Amino acid sequence: LLLEFLLEMKSLSSQTLQTLQKQYCLREQDAELLPDQLVLLLEFLLEMKSLSSQTLQTLQKQYCLREQDAEVRHRWCELVIKHKHTMAYGDLINFLKQDQAMGVYLYGELMVNEDARQQQLAHKCFTMLEEEMDPSLLKVVAEMLF
């Protein structure tokens, strides 16, 4: 399934696919990936210059990224931010609510991109969560936003 997904991403060469197979021990019959393998895949995809919204949707559905552990969901949120995948902004909001300490980096990414919609999302989440945030997290995030 993973190899089929990667083959659909026409920007990957057969040499890149072979490298992925060797590095991450991926086989065509792999129905599921372990969280560590998903993290590696998502980190690889983060290095790509662009991914289509359709590719990101397929990735999310294929690997049920919303139900994965915090490390996987964090990488997913990084992809969502990098590629401005607005259809998954709900996943980003949920991550910022559920994993506040890990979400600090994502607030920074939302602000650095200088995208008005993403910055608005960061401010909205902060306002929604500031009363329940740990004081040290509150200070760090507030400094990034204001």
N, C-alpha and C. Protein backbone atom coordinates (compact mmCIF):
# COMPACT_ATOMS: atom_id res chain seq x y z
N LEU A 1 0.82 -1.20 0.00
CA LEU A 1 0.00 0.00 0.00
C LEU A 1 0.86 1.25 0.00
N LEU A 2 1.90 1.26 0.82
CA LEU A 2 2.76 2.42 0.86
C LEU A 2 3.44 2.62 -0.49
N LEU A 3 3.93 1.54 -1.06
CA LEU A 3 4.60 1.67 -2.35
C LEU A 3 3.64 2.14 -3.43
N GLU A 4 2.40 1.67 -3.38
CA GLU A 4 1.40 2.14 -4.33
C GLU A 4 1.18 3.64 -4.15
N PHE A 5 1.09 4.08 -2.90
CA PHE A 5 0.90 5.50 -2.61
C PHE A 5 2.08 6.30 -3.16
N LEU A 6 3.28 5.83 -2.90
CA LEU A 6 4.46 6.55 -3.36
C LEU A 6 4.55 6.57 -4.88
N LEU A 7 4.13 5.50 -5.51
CA LEU A 7 4.12 5.46 -6.97
C LEU A 7 3.15 6.49 -7.55
N GLU A 8 2.06 6.74 -6.84
CA GLU A 8 1.10 7.74 -7.28
C GLU A 8 1.70 9.14 -7.24
N MET A 9 2.68 9.33 -6.39
CA MET A 9 3.35 10.62 -6.30
C MET A 9 4.36 10.66 -7.43
N LYS A 10 3.96 11.12 -8.57
CA LYS A 10 4.75 11.01 -9.80
C LYS A 10 6.12 11.65 -9.71
N SER A 11 6.34 12.47 -8.70
CA SER A 11 7.63 13.15 -8.60
C SER A 11 8.72 12.24 -8.03
N LEU A 12 8.36 11.05 -7.58
CA LEU A 12 9.37 10.15 -7.03
C LEU A 12 9.91 9.25 -8.14
N SER A 13 11.20 9.15 -8.21
CA SER A 13 11.83 8.29 -9.21
C SER A 13 11.86 6.85 -8.70
N SER A 14 12.10 5.92 -9.60
CA SER A 14 12.20 4.52 -9.17
C SER A 14 13.41 4.33 -8.26
N GLN A 15 14.47 5.09 -8.47
CA GLN A 15 15.64 5.01 -7.60
C GLN A 15 15.27 5.46 -6.18
N THR A 16 14.49 6.52 -6.07
CA THR A 16 14.05 7.00 -4.75
C THR A 16 13.20 5.94 -4.07
N LEU A 17 12.32 5.30 -4.82
CA LEU A 17 11.48 4.25 -4.25
C LEU A 17 12.32 3.08 -3.75
N GLN A 18 13.33 2.70 -4.52
CA GLN A 18 14.21 1.62 -4.08
C GLN A 18 14.95 1.99 -2.81
N THR A 19 15.39 3.23 -2.73
CA THR A 19 16.06 3.71 -1.52
C THR A 19 15.13 3.65 -0.33
N LEU A 20 13.90 4.09 -0.51
CA LEU A 20 12.91 4.04 0.57
C LEU A 20 12.69 2.60 1.03
N GLN A 21 12.57 1.69 0.07
CA GLN A 21 12.36 0.28 0.42
C GLN A 21 13.51 -0.23 1.28
N LYS A 22 14.73 0.08 0.89
CA LYS A 22 15.89 -0.39 1.64
C LYS A 22 15.99 0.27 3.01
N GLN A 23 15.84 1.59 3.05
CA GLN A 23 16.01 2.31 4.31
C GLN A 23 14.94 1.97 5.33
N TYR A 24 13.72 1.84 4.90
CA TYR A 24 12.62 1.69 5.84
C TYR A 24 12.01 0.29 5.84
N CYS A 25 12.69 -0.64 5.17
CA CYS A 25 12.26 -2.04 5.13
C CYS A 25 10.79 -2.14 4.70
N LEU A 26 10.45 -1.45 3.65
CA LEU A 26 9.07 -1.45 3.18
C LEU A 26 8.87 -2.53 2.13
N ARG A 27 7.78 -3.24 2.25
CA ARG A 27 7.43 -4.26 1.28
C ARG A 27 6.02 -3.99 0.79
N GLU A 28 5.72 -4.43 -0.41
CA GLU A 28 4.40 -4.18 -0.97
C GLU A 28 3.29 -4.78 -0.13
N GLN A 29 3.56 -5.91 0.53
CA GLN A 29 2.51 -6.56 1.30
C GLN A 29 2.29 -5.93 2.67
N ASP A 30 3.08 -4.93 3.04
CA ASP A 30 2.88 -4.26 4.33
C ASP A 30 1.53 -3.55 4.34
N ALA A 31 0.61 -4.05 5.15
CA ALA A 31 -0.71 -3.44 5.24
C ALA A 31 -0.69 -2.27 6.21
N GLU A 32 0.15 -2.37 7.20
CA GLU A 32 0.24 -1.31 8.21
C GLU A 32 1.70 -0.99 8.44
N LEU A 33 1.94 0.25 8.81
CA LEU A 33 3.29 0.64 9.17
C LEU A 33 3.34 0.86 10.68
N LEU A 34 4.46 0.56 11.25
CA LEU A 34 4.67 0.87 12.65
C LEU A 34 4.80 2.38 12.81
N PRO A 35 4.49 2.90 13.99
CA PRO A 35 4.61 4.36 14.17
C PRO A 35 5.97 4.92 13.78
N ASP A 36 7.04 4.22 14.11
CA ASP A 36 8.38 4.71 13.74
C ASP A 36 8.55 4.78 12.23
N GLN A 37 7.98 3.81 11.52
CA GLN A 37 8.06 3.83 10.06
C GLN A 37 7.23 4.98 9.50
N LEU A 38 6.08 5.23 10.08
CA LEU A 38 5.26 6.36 9.64
C LEU A 38 5.98 7.68 9.87
N VAL A 39 6.64 7.82 11.02
CA VAL A 39 7.40 9.04 11.30
C VAL A 39 8.46 9.24 10.22
N LEU A 40 9.18 8.18 9.88
CA LEU A 40 10.22 8.28 8.85
C LEU A 40 9.63 8.66 7.50
N LEU A 41 8.51 8.05 7.16
CA LEU A 41 7.85 8.39 5.90
C LEU A 41 7.44 9.86 5.88
N LEU A 42 6.81 10.32 6.96
CA LEU A 42 6.35 11.71 7.01
C LEU A 42 7.54 12.68 7.00
N GLU A 43 8.63 12.32 7.65
CA GLU A 43 9.82 13.16 7.62
C GLU A 43 10.38 13.25 6.20
N PHE A 44 10.36 12.13 5.50
CA PHE A 44 10.79 12.14 4.10
C PHE A 44 9.90 13.07 3.28
N LEU A 45 8.59 12.96 3.48
CA LEU A 45 7.66 13.79 2.72
C LEU A 45 7.78 15.27 3.09
N LEU A 46 8.19 15.56 4.31
CA LEU A 46 8.42 16.95 4.71
C LEU A 46 9.55 17.59 3.91
N GLU A 47 10.45 16.78 3.40
CA GLU A 47 11.56 17.31 2.61
C GLU A 47 11.15 17.64 1.18
N MET A 48 10.00 17.16 0.77
CA MET A 48 9.55 17.41 -0.59
C MET A 48 9.04 18.84 -0.70
N LYS A 49 9.33 19.46 -1.83
CA LYS A 49 8.97 20.86 -2.04
C LYS A 49 7.46 21.06 -2.05
N SER A 50 6.75 20.19 -2.72
CA SER A 50 5.29 20.35 -2.76
C SER A 50 4.59 18.99 -2.84
N LEU A 51 3.43 18.95 -2.22
CA LEU A 51 2.55 17.78 -2.27
C LEU A 51 1.14 18.30 -2.54
N SER A 52 0.43 17.61 -3.37
CA SER A 52 -0.93 18.05 -3.69
C SER A 52 -1.87 17.74 -2.53
N SER A 53 -2.96 18.46 -2.52
CA SER A 53 -3.99 18.24 -1.51
C SER A 53 -4.52 16.81 -1.62
N GLN A 54 -4.66 16.32 -2.84
CA GLN A 54 -5.14 14.95 -3.06
C GLN A 54 -4.16 13.93 -2.47
N THR A 55 -2.88 14.16 -2.64
CA THR A 55 -1.87 13.26 -2.08
C THR A 55 -1.95 13.25 -0.56
N LEU A 56 -2.09 14.43 0.03
CA LEU A 56 -2.19 14.52 1.48
C LEU A 56 -3.46 13.84 1.99
N GLN A 57 -4.56 13.99 1.29
CA GLN A 57 -5.80 13.32 1.68
C GLN A 57 -5.64 11.81 1.62
N THR A 58 -5.03 11.33 0.57
CA THR A 58 -4.80 9.89 0.41
C THR A 58 -3.91 9.38 1.54
N LEU A 59 -2.88 10.10 1.84
CA LEU A 59 -1.97 9.73 2.92
C LEU A 59 -2.72 9.63 4.24
N GLN A 60 -3.53 10.63 4.54
CA GLN A 60 -4.26 10.65 5.81
C GLN A 60 -5.22 9.46 5.89
N LYS A 61 -5.94 9.21 4.83
CA LYS A 61 -6.91 8.11 4.84
C LYS A 61 -6.22 6.75 4.89
N GLN A 62 -5.18 6.59 4.10
CA GLN A 62 -4.48 5.31 4.00
C GLN A 62 -3.89 4.88 5.34
N TYR A 63 -3.34 5.83 6.08
CA TYR A 63 -2.64 5.49 7.32
C TYR A 63 -3.34 5.99 8.57
N CYS A 64 -4.60 6.40 8.44
CA CYS A 64 -5.41 6.83 9.60
C CYS A 64 -4.58 7.72 10.52
N LEU A 65 -4.02 8.77 9.97
CA LEU A 65 -3.07 9.60 10.71
C LEU A 65 -3.68 10.27 11.93
N ARG A 66 -4.97 10.52 11.91
CA ARG A 66 -5.63 11.14 13.06
C ARG A 66 -5.63 10.24 14.29
N GLU A 67 -5.53 8.94 14.07
CA GLU A 67 -5.59 7.98 15.17
C GLU A 67 -4.22 7.49 15.61
N GLN A 68 -3.17 8.03 15.05
CA GLN A 68 -1.82 7.58 15.38
C GLN A 68 -1.31 8.24 16.66
N ASP A 69 -0.11 7.86 17.07
CA ASP A 69 0.46 8.44 18.29
C ASP A 69 0.88 9.90 18.04
N ALA A 70 1.27 10.57 19.12
CA ALA A 70 1.56 12.00 19.06
C ALA A 70 2.72 12.32 18.11
N GLU A 71 3.72 11.47 18.05
CA GLU A 71 4.86 11.73 17.15
C GLU A 71 4.41 11.74 15.69
N VAL A 72 3.59 10.78 15.32
CA VAL A 72 3.09 10.70 13.94
C VAL A 72 2.17 11.89 13.66
N ARG A 73 1.26 12.16 14.58
CA ARG A 73 0.33 13.27 14.37
C ARG A 73 1.06 14.61 14.29
N HIS A 74 2.15 14.74 15.04
CA HIS A 74 2.94 15.97 14.97
C HIS A 74 3.52 16.15 13.57
N ARG A 75 4.09 15.08 13.00
CA ARG A 75 4.64 15.17 11.64
C ARG A 75 3.53 15.46 10.63
N TRP A 76 2.36 14.85 10.85
CA TRP A 76 1.22 15.10 9.98
C TRP A 76 0.87 16.60 10.02
N CYS A 77 0.84 17.15 11.20
CA CYS A 77 0.51 18.58 11.34
C CYS A 77 1.57 19.46 10.67
N GLU A 78 2.83 19.05 10.73
CA GLU A 78 3.87 19.80 10.03
C GLU A 78 3.60 19.80 8.52
N LEU A 79 3.20 18.65 7.98
CA LEU A 79 2.86 18.58 6.55
C LEU A 79 1.66 19.48 6.24
N VAL A 80 0.66 19.44 7.10
CA VAL A 80 -0.54 20.26 6.92
C VAL A 80 -0.16 21.74 6.85
N ILE A 81 0.71 22.17 7.76
CA ILE A 81 1.14 23.57 7.78
C ILE A 81 1.98 23.90 6.54
N LYS A 82 2.97 23.07 6.27
CA LYS A 82 3.89 23.35 5.16
C LYS A 82 3.15 23.48 3.83
N HIS A 83 2.18 22.61 3.61
CA HIS A 83 1.50 22.58 2.32
C HIS A 83 0.14 23.27 2.35
N LYS A 84 -0.12 23.98 3.46
CA LYS A 84 -1.36 24.75 3.61
C LYS A 84 -2.59 23.90 3.24
N HIS A 85 -2.62 22.71 3.82
CA HIS A 85 -3.69 21.75 3.55
C HIS A 85 -4.88 22.08 4.45
N THR A 86 -5.68 23.03 4.01
CA THR A 86 -6.76 23.58 4.84
C THR A 86 -7.79 22.54 5.25
N MET A 87 -7.95 21.50 4.45
CA MET A 87 -8.92 20.46 4.79
C MET A 87 -8.56 19.73 6.08
N ALA A 88 -7.30 19.82 6.48
CA ALA A 88 -6.85 19.12 7.70
C ALA A 88 -6.53 20.09 8.84
N TYR A 89 -6.96 21.32 8.73
CA TYR A 89 -6.71 22.27 9.82
C TYR A 89 -7.39 21.81 11.11
N GLY A 90 -8.48 21.07 11.01
CA GLY A 90 -9.13 20.51 12.19
C GLY A 90 -8.20 19.56 12.94
N ASP A 91 -7.41 18.78 12.20
CA ASP A 91 -6.43 17.88 12.82
C ASP A 91 -5.39 18.69 13.58
N LEU A 92 -4.99 19.80 13.01
CA LEU A 92 -4.01 20.68 13.64
C LEU A 92 -4.57 21.28 14.93
N ILE A 93 -5.80 21.76 14.88
CA ILE A 93 -6.44 22.31 16.08
C ILE A 93 -6.54 21.25 17.17
N ASN A 94 -6.96 20.05 16.80
CA ASN A 94 -7.06 18.96 17.78
C ASN A 94 -5.70 18.64 18.40
N PHE A 95 -4.66 18.64 17.59
CA PHE A 95 -3.33 18.36 18.12
C PHE A 95 -2.91 19.44 19.11
N LEU A 96 -3.15 20.69 18.76
CA LEU A 96 -2.77 21.78 19.66
C LEU A 96 -3.53 21.72 20.98
N LYS A 97 -4.75 21.19 20.94
CA LYS A 97 -5.54 21.03 22.17
C LYS A 97 -5.02 19.85 23.00
N GLN A 98 -4.79 18.72 22.35
CA GLN A 98 -4.49 17.47 23.05
C GLN A 98 -3.03 17.33 23.46
N ASP A 99 -2.15 17.90 22.71
CA ASP A 99 -0.70 17.73 22.95
C ASP A 99 -0.04 19.10 23.02
N GLN A 100 -0.41 19.84 24.04
CA GLN A 100 0.00 21.24 24.11
C GLN A 100 1.51 21.42 24.15
N ALA A 101 2.22 20.59 24.88
CA ALA A 101 3.68 20.75 24.97
C ALA A 101 4.34 20.51 23.60
N MET A 102 3.90 19.48 22.89
CA MET A 102 4.46 19.21 21.56
C MET A 102 4.00 20.24 20.54
N GLY A 103 2.90 20.89 20.80
CA GLY A 103 2.34 21.85 19.86
C GLY A 103 3.06 23.17 19.81
N VAL A 104 3.93 23.44 20.77
CA VAL A 104 4.64 24.72 20.81
C VAL A 104 5.37 24.97 19.49
N TYR A 105 6.07 23.97 19.00
CA TYR A 105 6.80 24.10 17.73
C TYR A 105 5.85 24.46 16.59
N LEU A 106 4.67 23.87 16.61
CA LEU A 106 3.70 24.13 15.53
C LEU A 106 3.21 25.57 15.54
N TYR A 107 3.05 26.15 16.73
CA TYR A 107 2.68 27.57 16.78
C TYR A 107 3.73 28.41 16.05
N GLY A 108 4.99 28.07 16.28
CA GLY A 108 6.07 28.77 15.60
C GLY A 108 5.99 28.62 14.09
N GLU A 109 5.72 27.40 13.64
CA GLU A 109 5.60 27.16 12.20
C GLU A 109 4.42 27.93 11.61
N LEU A 110 3.32 27.98 12.33
CA LEU A 110 2.15 28.73 11.85
C LEU A 110 2.47 30.21 11.68
N MET A 111 3.28 30.74 12.55
CA MET A 111 3.61 32.16 12.49
C MET A 111 4.70 32.47 11.46
N VAL A 112 5.68 31.60 11.32
CA VAL A 112 6.81 31.83 10.43
C VAL A 112 6.39 31.86 8.96
N ASN A 113 5.40 31.07 8.60
CA ASN A 113 4.96 30.99 7.21
C ASN A 113 4.37 32.29 6.69
N GLU A 114 4.05 33.21 7.57
CA GLU A 114 3.47 34.50 7.20
C GLU A 114 2.22 34.35 6.33
N ASP A 115 1.46 33.31 6.59
CA ASP A 115 0.19 33.09 5.93
C ASP A 115 -0.90 33.59 6.88
N ALA A 116 -1.70 34.54 6.44
CA ALA A 116 -2.68 35.18 7.32
C ALA A 116 -3.64 34.17 7.94
N ARG A 117 -4.08 33.21 7.14
CA ARG A 117 -5.02 32.21 7.64
C ARG A 117 -4.39 31.34 8.72
N GLN A 118 -3.14 30.95 8.51
CA GLN A 118 -2.45 30.14 9.51
C GLN A 118 -2.17 30.94 10.78
N GLN A 119 -1.81 32.19 10.64
CA GLN A 119 -1.58 33.02 11.81
C GLN A 119 -2.88 33.22 12.60
N GLN A 120 -3.97 33.39 11.88
CA GLN A 120 -5.27 33.52 12.53
C GLN A 120 -5.62 32.24 13.29
N LEU A 121 -5.31 31.10 12.70
CA LEU A 121 -5.54 29.82 13.35
C LEU A 121 -4.72 29.70 14.64
N ALA A 122 -3.48 30.13 14.60
CA ALA A 122 -2.62 30.08 15.79
C ALA A 122 -3.20 30.96 16.90
N HIS A 123 -3.62 32.15 16.55
CA HIS A 123 -4.20 33.06 17.55
C HIS A 123 -5.51 32.49 18.11
N LYS A 124 -6.32 31.91 17.25
CA LYS A 124 -7.60 31.32 17.69
C LYS A 124 -7.35 30.18 18.69
N CYS A 125 -6.43 29.31 18.36
CA CYS A 125 -6.13 28.18 19.26
C CYS A 125 -5.56 28.68 20.59
N PHE A 126 -4.67 29.64 20.52
CA PHE A 126 -4.07 30.18 21.73
C PHE A 126 -5.16 30.78 22.63
N THR A 127 -6.03 31.57 22.06
CA THR A 127 -7.11 32.20 22.83
C THR A 127 -8.00 31.14 23.46
N MET A 128 -8.27 30.09 22.72
CA MET A 128 -9.14 29.02 23.19
C MET A 128 -8.48 28.22 24.34
N LEU A 129 -7.16 28.11 24.33
CA LEU A 129 -6.47 27.23 25.26
C LEU A 129 -5.67 27.93 26.35
N GLU A 130 -5.52 29.24 26.27
CA GLU A 130 -4.59 29.92 27.18
C GLU A 130 -4.91 29.73 28.66
N GLU A 131 -6.18 29.60 29.00
CA GLU A 131 -6.54 29.44 30.41
C GLU A 131 -6.12 28.09 30.99
N GLU A 132 -5.99 27.09 30.14
CA GLU A 132 -5.61 25.77 30.63
C GLU A 132 -4.16 25.42 30.35
N MET A 133 -3.43 26.32 29.72
CA MET A 133 -2.03 26.06 29.39
C MET A 133 -1.14 26.17 30.62
N ASP A 134 -0.12 25.35 30.63
CA ASP A 134 0.93 25.45 31.64
C ASP A 134 1.55 26.85 31.51
N PRO A 135 1.85 27.50 32.63
CA PRO A 135 2.39 28.87 32.58
C PRO A 135 3.63 29.04 31.71
N SER A 136 4.54 28.06 31.74
CA SER A 136 5.75 28.18 30.92
C SER A 136 5.41 28.07 29.43
N LEU A 137 4.48 27.18 29.06
CA LEU A 137 4.05 27.07 27.67
C LEU A 137 3.34 28.34 27.23
N LEU A 138 2.50 28.85 28.11
CA LEU A 138 1.75 30.07 27.83
C LEU A 138 2.71 31.21 27.47
N LYS A 139 3.76 31.34 28.26
CA LYS A 139 4.72 32.42 28.02
C LYS A 139 5.42 32.25 26.68
N VAL A 140 5.88 31.05 26.39
CA VAL A 140 6.60 30.78 25.14
C VAL A 140 5.70 31.04 23.93
N VAL A 141 4.49 30.51 23.97
CA VAL A 141 3.58 30.67 22.83
C VAL A 141 3.18 32.14 22.66
N ALA A 142 2.89 32.81 23.77
CA ALA A 142 2.51 34.23 23.71
C ALA A 142 3.63 35.06 23.06
N GLU A 143 4.89 34.74 23.39
CA GLU A 143 6.01 35.47 22.78
C GLU A 143 6.07 35.24 21.28
N MET A 144 5.71 34.06 20.83
CA MET A 144 5.73 33.77 19.39
C MET A 144 4.61 34.53 18.67
N LEU A 145 3.47 34.64 19.32
CA LEU A 145 2.29 35.20 18.67
C LEU A 145 2.22 36.73 18.71
N PHE A 146 2.79 37.32 19.75
CA PHE A 146 2.60 38.77 19.92
C PHE A 146 3.90 39.54 19.93
